[in-house]
PDB file of N, CA and C in Angstrom:
ATOM      1  N   UNK A   1       0.746  -1.128  -0.053  1.00  0.00           N
ATOM      2  CA  UNK A   1       0.057  -0.009  -0.043  1.00  0.00           C
ATOM      3  C   UNK A   1       0.970   1.201  -0.035  1.00  0.00           C
ATOM      4  N   UNK A   2       0.449   2.224  -0.772  1.00  0.00           N
ATOM      5  CA  UNK A   2       1.233   3.385  -0.864  1.00  0.00           C
ATOM      6  C   UNK A   2       0.464   4.376   0.062  1.00  0.00           C
ATOM      7  N   UNK A   3       1.420   5.074   0.962  1.00  0.00           N
ATOM      8  CA  UNK A   3       0.842   6.200   1.919  1.00  0.00           C
ATOM      9  C   UNK A   3       1.118   7.464   1.351  1.00  0.00           C
ATOM     10  N   UNK A   4       0.183   8.410   1.205  1.00  0.00           N
ATOM     11  CA  UNK A   4       0.453   9.693   0.725  1.00  0.00           C
ATOM     12  C   UNK A   4       0.227  10.715   1.866  1.00  0.00           C
ATOM     13  N   UNK A   5       1.117  11.696   2.007  1.00  0.00           N
ATOM     14  CA  UNK A   5       0.950  12.682   2.926  1.00  0.00           C
ATOM     15  C   UNK A   5       0.156  13.930   2.492  1.00  0.00           C
ATOM     16  N   UNK A   6      -0.996  14.104   3.220  1.00  0.00           N
ATOM     17  CA  UNK A   6      -1.875  15.321   2.905  1.00  0.00           C
ATOM     18  C   UNK A   6      -1.135  16.454   3.590  1.00  0.00           C
ATOM     19  N   UNK A   7      -0.799  17.531   2.859  1.00  0.00           N
ATOM     20  CA  UNK A   7      -0.201  18.753   3.525  1.00  0.00           C
ATOM     21  C   UNK A   7      -1.167  19.500   4.413  1.00  0.00           C
ATOM     22  N   UNK A   8      -2.531  19.202   4.118  1.00  0.00           N
ATOM     23  CA  UNK A   8      -3.569  19.983   4.877  1.00  0.00           C
ATOM     24  C   UNK A   8      -3.901  19.268   6.160  1.00  0.00           C
ATOM     25  N   UNK A   9      -4.220  17.993   6.031  1.00  0.00           N
ATOM     26  CA  UNK A   9      -4.503  17.180   7.216  1.00  0.00           C
ATOM     27  C   UNK A   9      -3.302  16.964   7.927  1.00  0.00           C
ATOM     28  N   UNK A  10      -2.114  16.978   7.551  1.00  0.00           N
ATOM     29  CA  UNK A  10      -0.818  16.714   8.178  1.00  0.00           C
ATOM     30  C   UNK A  10      -0.761  15.124   8.578  1.00  0.00           C
ATOM     31  N   UNK A  11      -1.373  14.371   7.707  1.00  0.00           N
ATOM     32  CA  UNK A  11      -1.352  12.871   7.933  1.00  0.00           C
ATOM     33  C   UNK A  11      -0.929  12.093   6.723  1.00  0.00           C
ATOM     34  N   UNK A  12      -0.207  10.967   6.783  1.00  0.00           N
ATOM     35  CA  UNK A  12      -0.207   9.995   5.843  1.00  0.00           C
ATOM     36  C   UNK A  12      -1.247   8.976   5.868  1.00  0.00           C
ATOM     37  N   UNK A  13      -1.956   8.955   4.717  1.00  0.00           N
ATOM     38  CA  UNK A  13      -3.175   8.251   4.519  1.00  0.00           C
ATOM     39  C   UNK A  13      -2.915   7.204   3.168  1.00  0.00           C
ATOM     40  N   UNK A  14      -3.656   6.204   3.243  1.00  0.00           N
ATOM     41  CA  UNK A  14      -3.672   5.144   2.126  1.00  0.00           C
ATOM     42  C   UNK A  14      -4.058   5.852   0.829  1.00  0.00           C
ATOM     43  N   UNK A  15      -3.490   5.302  -0.317  1.00  0.00           N
ATOM     44  CA  UNK A  15      -3.656   5.966  -1.630  1.00  0.00           C
ATOM     45  C   UNK A  15      -5.103   5.885  -2.015  1.00  0.00           C
ATOM     46  N   UNK A  16      -5.819   5.004  -1.571  1.00  0.00           N
ATOM     47  CA  UNK A  16      -7.353   4.752  -1.932  1.00  0.00           C
ATOM     48  C   UNK A  16      -8.079   5.972  -1.601  1.00  0.00           C
ATOM     49  N   UNK A  17      -7.556   6.768  -0.597  1.00  0.00           N
ATOM     50  CA  UNK A  17      -8.296   8.046  -0.176  1.00  0.00           C
ATOM     51  C   UNK A  17      -8.182   9.187  -1.227  1.00  0.00           C
ATOM     52  N   UNK A  18      -7.231   9.070  -2.101  1.00  0.00           N
ATOM     53  CA  UNK A  18      -6.901  10.183  -3.040  1.00  0.00           C
ATOM     54  C   UNK A  18      -7.187  10.003  -4.338  1.00  0.00           C
ATOM     55  N   UNK A  19      -7.409  10.966  -5.070  1.00  0.00           N
ATOM     56  CA  UNK A  19      -7.645  10.885  -6.543  1.00  0.00           C
ATOM     57  C   UNK A  19      -6.533  11.807  -7.334  1.00  0.00           C
ATOM     58  N   UNK A  20      -6.109  11.219  -8.516  1.00  0.00           N
ATOM     59  CA  UNK A  20      -5.104  11.925  -9.255  1.00  0.00           C
ATOM     60  C   UNK A  20      -5.837  13.073 -10.064  1.00  0.00           C
ATOM     61  N   UNK A  21      -5.170  14.224 -10.195  1.00  0.00           N
ATOM     62  CA  UNK A  21      -5.673  15.349 -10.765  1.00  0.00           C
ATOM     63  C   UNK A  21      -5.033  15.912 -11.984  1.00  0.00           C
ATOM     64  N   UNK A  22      -4.115  15.220 -12.348  1.00  0.00           N
ATOM     65  CA  UNK A  22      -3.276  15.591 -13.618  1.00  0.00           C
ATOM     66  C   UNK A  22      -1.984  16.297 -13.155  1.00  0.00           C
ATOM     67  N   UNK A  23      -1.238  16.799 -14.290  1.00  0.00           N
ATOM     68  CA  UNK A  23      -0.112  17.596 -14.052  1.00  0.00           C
ATOM     69  C   UNK A  23      -0.298  18.819 -13.303  1.00  0.00           C
ATOM     70  N   UNK A  24       0.596  19.168 -12.366  1.00  0.00           N
ATOM     71  CA  UNK A  24       0.569  20.254 -11.626  1.00  0.00           C
ATOM     72  C   UNK A  24       1.314  21.568 -12.233  1.00  0.00           C
ATOM     73  N   UNK A  25       0.867  22.806 -11.753  1.00  0.00           N
ATOM     74  CA  UNK A  25       1.415  24.055 -12.347  1.00  0.00           C
ATOM     75  C   UNK A  25       1.147  24.313 -13.798  1.00  0.00           C
ATOM     76  N   UNK A  26       0.023  23.862 -14.261  1.00  0.00           N
ATOM     77  CA  UNK A  26      -0.568  24.286 -15.511  1.00  0.00           C
ATOM     78  C   UNK A  26      -1.196  25.619 -15.487  1.00  0.00           C
ATOM     79  N   UNK A  27      -0.953  26.630 -16.129  1.00  0.00           N
ATOM     80  CA  UNK A  27      -1.487  27.971 -16.040  1.00  0.00           C
ATOM     81  C   UNK A  27      -2.562  27.935 -17.039  1.00  0.00           C
ATOM     82  N   UNK A  28      -3.868  28.306 -16.641  1.00  0.00           N
ATOM     83  CA  UNK A  28      -5.078  28.458 -17.391  1.00  0.00           C
ATOM     84  C   UNK A  28      -4.907  29.645 -18.316  1.00  0.00           C
ATOM     85  N   UNK A  29      -5.195  29.531 -19.534  1.00  0.00           N
ATOM     86  CA  UNK A  29      -5.173  30.755 -20.482  1.00  0.00           C
ATOM     87  C   UNK A  29      -5.934  31.944 -19.988  1.00  0.00           C
ATOM     88  N   UNK A  30      -5.466  33.071 -20.009  1.00  0.00           N
ATOM     89  CA  UNK A  30      -6.279  34.306 -19.566  1.00  0.00           C
ATOM     90  C   UNK A  30      -7.633  34.624 -20.256  1.00  0.00           C
ATOM     91  N   UNK A  31      -7.560  34.310 -21.501  1.00  0.00           N
ATOM     92  CA  UNK A  31      -8.739  34.451 -22.462  1.00  0.00           C
ATOM     93  C   UNK A  31      -8.869  33.168 -23.346  1.00  0.00           C
ATOM     94  N   UNK A  32      -9.575  32.165 -22.673  1.00  0.00           N
ATOM     95  CA  UNK A  32      -9.734  30.930 -23.478  1.00  0.00           C
ATOM     96  C   UNK A  32     -10.398  31.144 -24.898  1.00  0.00           C
ATOM     97  N   UNK A  33     -11.373  32.028 -24.836  1.00  0.00           N
ATOM     98  CA  UNK A  33     -12.189  32.378 -26.188  1.00  0.00           C
ATOM     99  C   UNK A  33     -11.352  32.833 -27.234  1.00  0.00           C
ATOM    100  N   UNK A  34     -10.024  33.343 -26.923  1.00  0.00           N
ATOM    101  CA  UNK A  34      -9.207  33.904 -27.942  1.00  0.00           C
ATOM    102  C   UNK A  34      -8.425  32.790 -28.573  1.00  0.00           C
ATOM    103  N   UNK A  35      -8.408  31.665 -27.970  1.00  0.00           N
ATOM    104  CA  UNK A  35      -7.592  30.568 -28.531  1.00  0.00           C
ATOM    105  C   UNK A  35      -8.305  29.882 -29.676  1.00  0.00           C
ATOM    106  N   UNK A  36      -7.337  29.339 -30.564  1.00  0.00           N
ATOM    107  CA  UNK A  36      -7.865  28.621 -31.689  1.00  0.00           C
ATOM    108  C   UNK A  36      -8.192  27.163 -31.113  1.00  0.00           C
ATOM    109  N   UNK A  37      -8.838  26.361 -32.047  1.00  0.00           N
ATOM    110  CA  UNK A  37      -9.282  25.117 -31.572  1.00  0.00           C
ATOM    111  C   UNK A  37      -8.029  24.238 -31.168  1.00  0.00           C
ATOM    112  N   UNK A  38      -6.959  24.296 -31.904  1.00  0.00           N
ATOM    113  CA  UNK A  38      -5.828  23.695 -31.698  1.00  0.00           C
ATOM    114  C   UNK A  38      -5.000  23.997 -30.336  1.00  0.00           C
ATOM    115  N   UNK A  39      -5.051  25.306 -30.192  1.00  0.00           N
ATOM    116  CA  UNK A  39      -4.416  25.904 -28.991  1.00  0.00           C
ATOM    117  C   UNK A  39      -5.207  25.388 -27.688  1.00  0.00           C
ATOM    118  N   UNK A  40      -6.525  25.396 -27.688  1.00  0.00           N
ATOM    119  CA  UNK A  40      -7.328  24.948 -26.670  1.00  0.00           C
ATOM    120  C   UNK A  40      -7.294  23.343 -26.353  1.00  0.00           C
ATOM    121  N   UNK A  41      -7.111  22.634 -27.544  1.00  0.00           N
ATOM    122  CA  UNK A  41      -6.846  21.226 -27.479  1.00  0.00           C
ATOM    123  C   UNK A  41      -5.484  21.017 -26.798  1.00  0.00           C
ATOM    124  N   UNK A  42      -4.536  21.666 -27.128  1.00  0.00           N
ATOM    125  CA  UNK A  42      -3.165  21.673 -26.411  1.00  0.00           C
ATOM    126  C   UNK A  42      -3.286  21.872 -24.960  1.00  0.00           C
ATOM    127  N   UNK A  43      -3.998  22.856 -24.652  1.00  0.00           N
ATOM    128  CA  UNK A  43      -4.133  23.244 -23.150  1.00  0.00           C
ATOM    129  C   UNK A  43      -4.929  22.133 -22.412  1.00  0.00           C
ATOM    130  N   UNK A  44      -6.079  21.603 -23.049  1.00  0.00           N
ATOM    131  CA  UNK A  44      -6.857  20.640 -22.328  1.00  0.00           C
ATOM    132  C   UNK A  44      -6.206  19.314 -22.134  1.00  0.00           C
ATOM    133  N   UNK A  45      -5.532  18.789 -23.336  1.00  0.00           N
ATOM    134  CA  UNK A  45      -5.134  17.440 -23.391  1.00  0.00           C
ATOM    135  C   UNK A  45      -3.806  17.071 -23.407  1.00  0.00           C
ATOM    136  N   UNK A  46      -2.880  17.906 -23.866  1.00  0.00           N
ATOM    137  CA  UNK A  46      -1.406  17.575 -24.060  1.00  0.00           C
ATOM    138  C   UNK A  46      -0.632  17.873 -22.783  1.00  0.00           C
ATOM    139  N   UNK A  47      -0.296  16.688 -22.258  1.00  0.00           N
ATOM    140  CA  UNK A  47       0.659  16.985 -21.114  1.00  0.00           C
ATOM    141  C   UNK A  47       1.946  16.258 -21.142  1.00  0.00           C
ATOM    142  N   UNK A  48       2.931  16.521 -20.310  1.00  0.00           N
ATOM    143  CA  UNK A  48       4.231  15.807 -20.305  1.00  0.00           C
ATOM    144  C   UNK A  48       3.841  14.529 -19.707  1.00  0.00           C
ATOM    145  N   UNK A  49       4.570  13.636 -20.032  1.00  0.00           N
ATOM    146  CA  UNK A  49       4.606  12.290 -19.266  1.00  0.00           C
ATOM    147  C   UNK A  49       5.953  11.683 -19.067  1.00  0.00           C
ATOM    148  N   UNK A  50       6.687  12.340 -18.225  1.00  0.00           N
ATOM    149  CA  UNK A  50       8.116  12.100 -17.953  1.00  0.00           C
ATOM    150  C   UNK A  50       8.298  10.676 -17.244  1.00  0.00           C
ATOM    151  N   UNK A  51       9.562  10.241 -17.641  1.00  0.00           N
ATOM    152  CA  UNK A  51       9.757   9.178 -16.842  1.00  0.00           C
ATOM    153  C   UNK A  51      10.791   9.720 -15.617  1.00  0.00           C
ATOM    154  N   UNK A  52      10.341   9.431 -14.436  1.00  0.00           N
ATOM    155  CA  UNK A  52      11.170  10.032 -13.270  1.00  0.00           C
ATOM    156  C   UNK A  52      10.249  10.942 -12.479  1.00  0.00           C
ATOM    157  N   UNK A  53      10.831  11.982 -11.910  1.00  0.00           N
ATOM    158  CA  UNK A  53      10.099  12.868 -11.030  1.00  0.00           C
ATOM    159  C   UNK A  53       9.222  13.775 -11.752  1.00  0.00           C
ATOM    160  N   UNK A  54       7.934  13.914 -11.390  1.00  0.00           N
ATOM    161  CA  UNK A  54       7.002  14.595 -12.010  1.00  0.00           C
ATOM    162  C   UNK A  54       6.018  15.364 -10.949  1.00  0.00           C
ATOM    163  N   UNK A  55       5.748  16.604 -11.256  1.00  0.00           N
ATOM    164  CA  UNK A  55       4.774  17.431 -10.470  1.00  0.00           C
ATOM    165  C   UNK A  55       3.397  17.165 -10.794  1.00  0.00           C
ATOM    166  N   UNK A  56       2.499  16.739  -9.760  1.00  0.00           N
ATOM    167  CA  UNK A  56       1.218  16.343 -10.105  1.00  0.00           C
ATOM    168  C   UNK A  56       0.310  16.985  -9.003  1.00  0.00           C
ATOM    169  N   UNK A  57      -1.023  17.044  -9.487  1.00  0.00           N
ATOM    170  CA  UNK A  57      -2.134  17.549  -8.609  1.00  0.00           C
ATOM    171  C   UNK A  57      -2.796  16.213  -8.029  1.00  0.00           C
ATOM    172  N   UNK A  58      -3.156  16.207  -6.613  1.00  0.00           N
ATOM    173  CA  UNK A  58      -3.762  15.349  -6.071  1.00  0.00           C
ATOM    174  C   UNK A  58      -4.996  15.905  -5.283  1.00  0.00           C
ATOM    175  N   UNK A  59      -6.053  15.018  -4.992  1.00  0.00           N
ATOM    176  CA  UNK A  59      -7.082  15.508  -4.138  1.00  0.00           C
ATOM    177  C   UNK A  59      -7.314  14.391  -3.108  1.00  0.00           C
ATOM    178  N   UNK A  60      -7.468  14.929  -1.864  1.00  0.00           N
ATOM    179  CA  UNK A  60      -7.731  14.106  -0.696  1.00  0.00           C
ATOM    180  C   UNK A  60      -9.179  13.733  -0.615  1.00  0.00           C
ATOM    181  N   UNK A  61      -9.680  13.047  -1.543  1.00  0.00           N
ATOM    182  CA  UNK A  61     -11.179  12.921  -1.654  1.00  0.00           C
ATOM    183  C   UNK A  61     -11.899  12.337  -0.428  1.00  0.00           C
ATOM    184  N   UNK A  62     -11.204  11.453   0.236  1.00  0.00           N
ATOM    185  CA  UNK A  62     -12.068  10.864   1.475  1.00  0.00           C
ATOM    186  C   UNK A  62     -11.427  11.461   2.740  1.00  0.00           C
ATOM    187  N   UNK A  63     -11.009  12.691   2.598  1.00  0.00           N
ATOM    188  CA  UNK A  63     -10.384  13.430   3.871  1.00  0.00           C
ATOM    189  C   UNK A  63     -10.867  14.743   3.713  1.00  0.00           C
ATOM    190  N   UNK A  64      -9.893  15.721   3.748  1.00  0.00           N
ATOM    191  CA  UNK A  64     -10.190  17.103   3.775  1.00  0.00           C
ATOM    192  C   UNK A  64     -11.010  17.626   2.393  1.00  0.00           C
ATOM    193  N   UNK A  65     -10.815  16.758   1.333  1.00  0.00           N
ATOM    194  CA  UNK A  65     -11.285  17.079   0.029  1.00  0.00           C
ATOM    195  C   UNK A  65     -10.543  18.214  -0.815  1.00  0.00           C
ATOM    196  N   UNK A  66      -9.378  18.532  -0.256  1.00  0.00           N
ATOM    197  CA  UNK A  66      -8.691  19.628  -0.967  1.00  0.00           C
ATOM    198  C   UNK A  66      -7.611  19.158  -1.827  1.00  0.00           C
ATOM    199  N   UNK A  67      -7.477  19.950  -2.837  1.00  0.00           N
ATOM    200  CA  UNK A  67      -6.437  19.641  -3.777  1.00  0.00           C
ATOM    201  C   UNK A  67      -4.946  20.141  -3.328  1.00  0.00           C
ATOM    202  N   UNK A  68      -3.961  19.340  -3.646  1.00  0.00           N
ATOM    203  CA  UNK A  68      -2.640  19.678  -3.319  1.00  0.00           C
ATOM    204  C   UNK A  68      -1.732  19.158  -4.286  1.00  0.00           C
ATOM    205  N   UNK A  69      -0.398  19.635  -4.377  1.00  0.00           N
ATOM    206  CA  UNK A  69       0.507  19.199  -5.344  1.00  0.00           C
ATOM    207  C   UNK A  69       1.540  18.144  -4.700  1.00  0.00           C
ATOM    208  N   UNK A  70       2.044  17.340  -5.641  1.00  0.00           N
ATOM    209  CA  UNK A  70       3.028  16.344  -5.173  1.00  0.00           C
ATOM    210  C   UNK A  70       4.022  16.180  -6.255  1.00  0.00           C
ATOM    211  N   UNK A  71       5.241  15.797  -5.840  1.00  0.00           N
ATOM    212  CA  UNK A  71       6.344  15.347  -6.689  1.00  0.00           C
ATOM    213  C   UNK A  71       6.438  13.751  -6.517  1.00  0.00           C
ATOM    214  N   UNK A  72       6.094  13.105  -7.616  1.00  0.00           N
ATOM    215  CA  UNK A  72       6.050  11.657  -7.461  1.00  0.00           C
ATOM    216  C   UNK A  72       7.163  11.055  -8.717  1.00  0.00           C
ATOM    217  N   UNK A  73       7.772  10.106  -8.307  1.00  0.00           N
ATOM    218  CA  UNK A  73       8.780   9.516  -9.338  1.00  0.00           C
ATOM    219  C   UNK A  73       7.872   8.439 -10.021  1.00  0.00           C
ATOM    220  N   UNK A  74       7.766   8.581 -11.207  1.00  0.00           N
ATOM    221  CA  UNK A  74       6.871   7.715 -12.109  1.00  0.00           C
ATOM    222  C   UNK A  74       7.460   6.386 -12.270  1.00  0.00           C
ATOM    223  N   UNK A  75       8.696   6.253 -12.068  1.00  0.00           N
ATOM    224  CA  UNK A  75       9.351   4.799 -12.061  1.00  0.00           C
ATOM    225  C   UNK A  75       9.121   4.035 -11.033  1.00  0.00           C
ATOM    226  N   UNK A  76       9.356   4.705  -9.816  1.00  0.00           N
ATOM    227  CA  UNK A  76       9.265   3.858  -8.566  1.00  0.00           C
ATOM    228  C   UNK A  76       7.826   4.091  -7.860  1.00  0.00           C
ATOM    229  N   UNK A  77       7.081   5.023  -8.365  1.00  0.00           N
ATOM    230  CA  UNK A  77       5.939   5.375  -7.648  1.00  0.00           C
ATOM    231  C   UNK A  77       5.974   6.013  -6.302  1.00  0.00           C
ATOM    232  N   UNK A  78       7.022   6.427  -6.042  1.00  0.00           N
ATOM    233  CA  UNK A  78       7.393   6.992  -4.547  1.00  0.00           C
ATOM    234  C   UNK A  78       7.151   8.599  -4.641  1.00  0.00           C
ATOM    235  N   UNK A  79       6.297   9.032  -3.723  1.00  0.00           N
ATOM    236  CA  UNK A  79       6.101  10.325  -3.515  1.00  0.00           C
ATOM    237  C   UNK A  79       7.229  11.063  -2.893  1.00  0.00           C
ATOM    238  N   UNK A  80       7.883  12.025  -3.451  1.00  0.00           N
ATOM    239  CA  UNK A  80       9.157  12.498  -2.945  1.00  0.00           C
ATOM    240  C   UNK A  80       8.626  13.727  -1.892  1.00  0.00           C
ATOM    241  N   UNK A  81       7.698  14.450  -2.258  1.00  0.00           N
ATOM    242  CA  UNK A  81       7.251  15.629  -1.400  1.00  0.00           C
ATOM    243  C   UNK A  81       5.683  15.826  -1.803  1.00  0.00           C
ATOM    244  N   UNK A  82       4.890  16.410  -0.897  1.00  0.00           N
ATOM    245  CA  UNK A  82       3.590  16.982  -1.098  1.00  0.00           C
ATOM    246  C   UNK A  82       3.685  18.400  -0.689  1.00  0.00           C
ATOM    247  N   UNK A  83       2.832  19.298  -1.262  1.00  0.00           N
ATOM    248  CA  UNK A  83       2.763  20.621  -0.834  1.00  0.00           C
ATOM    249  C   UNK A  83       1.430  21.246  -1.257  1.00  0.00           C
ATOM    250  N   UNK A  84       1.081  22.335  -0.494  1.00  0.00           N
ATOM    251  CA  UNK A  84      -0.204  23.033  -0.732  1.00  0.00           C
ATOM    252  C   UNK A  84      -0.221  23.581  -1.962  1.00  0.00           C
ATOM    253  N   UNK A  85      -1.670  23.428  -2.594  1.00  0.00           N
ATOM    254  CA  UNK A  85      -1.926  24.185  -3.784  1.00  0.00           C
ATOM    255  C   UNK A  85      -1.599  25.624  -3.741  1.00  0.00           C
ATOM    256  N   UNK A  86      -1.092  26.194  -4.895  1.00  0.00           N
ATOM    257  CA  UNK A  86      -0.577  27.561  -4.832  1.00  0.00           C
ATOM    258  C   UNK A  86       0.865  27.812  -4.426  1.00  0.00           C
ATOM    259  N   UNK A  87       1.519  26.741  -3.682  1.00  0.00           N
ATOM    260  CA  UNK A  87       2.830  26.971  -3.338  1.00  0.00           C
ATOM    261  C   UNK A  87       3.792  26.545  -4.598  1.00  0.00           C
ATOM    262  N   UNK A  88       5.019  27.108  -4.519  1.00  0.00           N
ATOM    263  CA  UNK A  88       5.965  26.691  -5.580  1.00  0.00           C
ATOM    264  C   UNK A  88       6.414  25.404  -5.293  1.00  0.00           C
ATOM    265  N   UNK A  89       6.732  24.742  -6.306  1.00  0.00           N
ATOM    266  CA  UNK A  89       7.362  23.462  -6.138  1.00  0.00           C
ATOM    267  C   UNK A  89       8.675  23.489  -5.361  1.00  0.00           C
ATOM    268  N   UNK A  90       8.872  22.665  -4.374  1.00  0.00           N
ATOM    269  CA  UNK A  90      10.066  22.587  -3.609  1.00  0.00           C
ATOM    270  C   UNK A  90      11.156  22.170  -4.401  1.00  0.00           C
ATOM    271  N   UNK A  91      12.272  22.954  -4.370  1.00  0.00           N
ATOM    272  CA  UNK A  91      13.566  22.545  -5.136  1.00  0.00           C
ATOM    273  C   UNK A  91      13.492  23.029  -6.536  1.00  0.00           C
ATOM    274  N   UNK A  92      12.603  23.942  -6.988  1.00  0.00           N
ATOM    275  CA  UNK A  92      12.671  24.584  -8.299  1.00  0.00           C
ATOM    276  C   UNK A  92      11.610  24.075  -9.102  1.00  0.00           C
ATOM    277  N   UNK A  93      11.443  24.590 -10.460  1.00  0.00           N
ATOM    278  CA  UNK A  93      10.351  24.380 -11.395  1.00  0.00           C
ATOM    279  C   UNK A  93      10.645  23.276 -12.106  1.00  0.00           C
ATOM    280  N   UNK A  94      11.860  22.768 -12.468  1.00  0.00           N
ATOM    281  CA  UNK A  94      12.011  21.598 -13.291  1.00  0.00           C
ATOM    282  C   UNK A  94      11.284  20.390 -12.752  1.00  0.00           C
ATOM    283  N   UNK A  95      10.562  19.715 -13.861  1.00  0.00           N
ATOM    284  CA  UNK A  95       9.805  18.588 -13.460  1.00  0.00           C
ATOM    285  C   UNK A  95      10.539  17.378 -13.501  1.00  0.00           C
TER     286      UNK A  95
END
């Protein structure tokens, strides 16, 4: 079982309490209506899928229900760090 640390509840809880929310730190376009269909498609669906450490959004669905960010290694499935939504990624922006 994988334990995930919720930075709001300050507890390590089983992974079944959480839902994956996609890649973290994706900036929403300021004026989505001004985007072409191709640009909107890129924003909605095209994401990085790196091998190794990756910044992701998670939600503690069966706890506080809040979204937070995590750096997870996609090879080992190990969570390196979790941090509150809106905070900068610890250790820099590189994913």
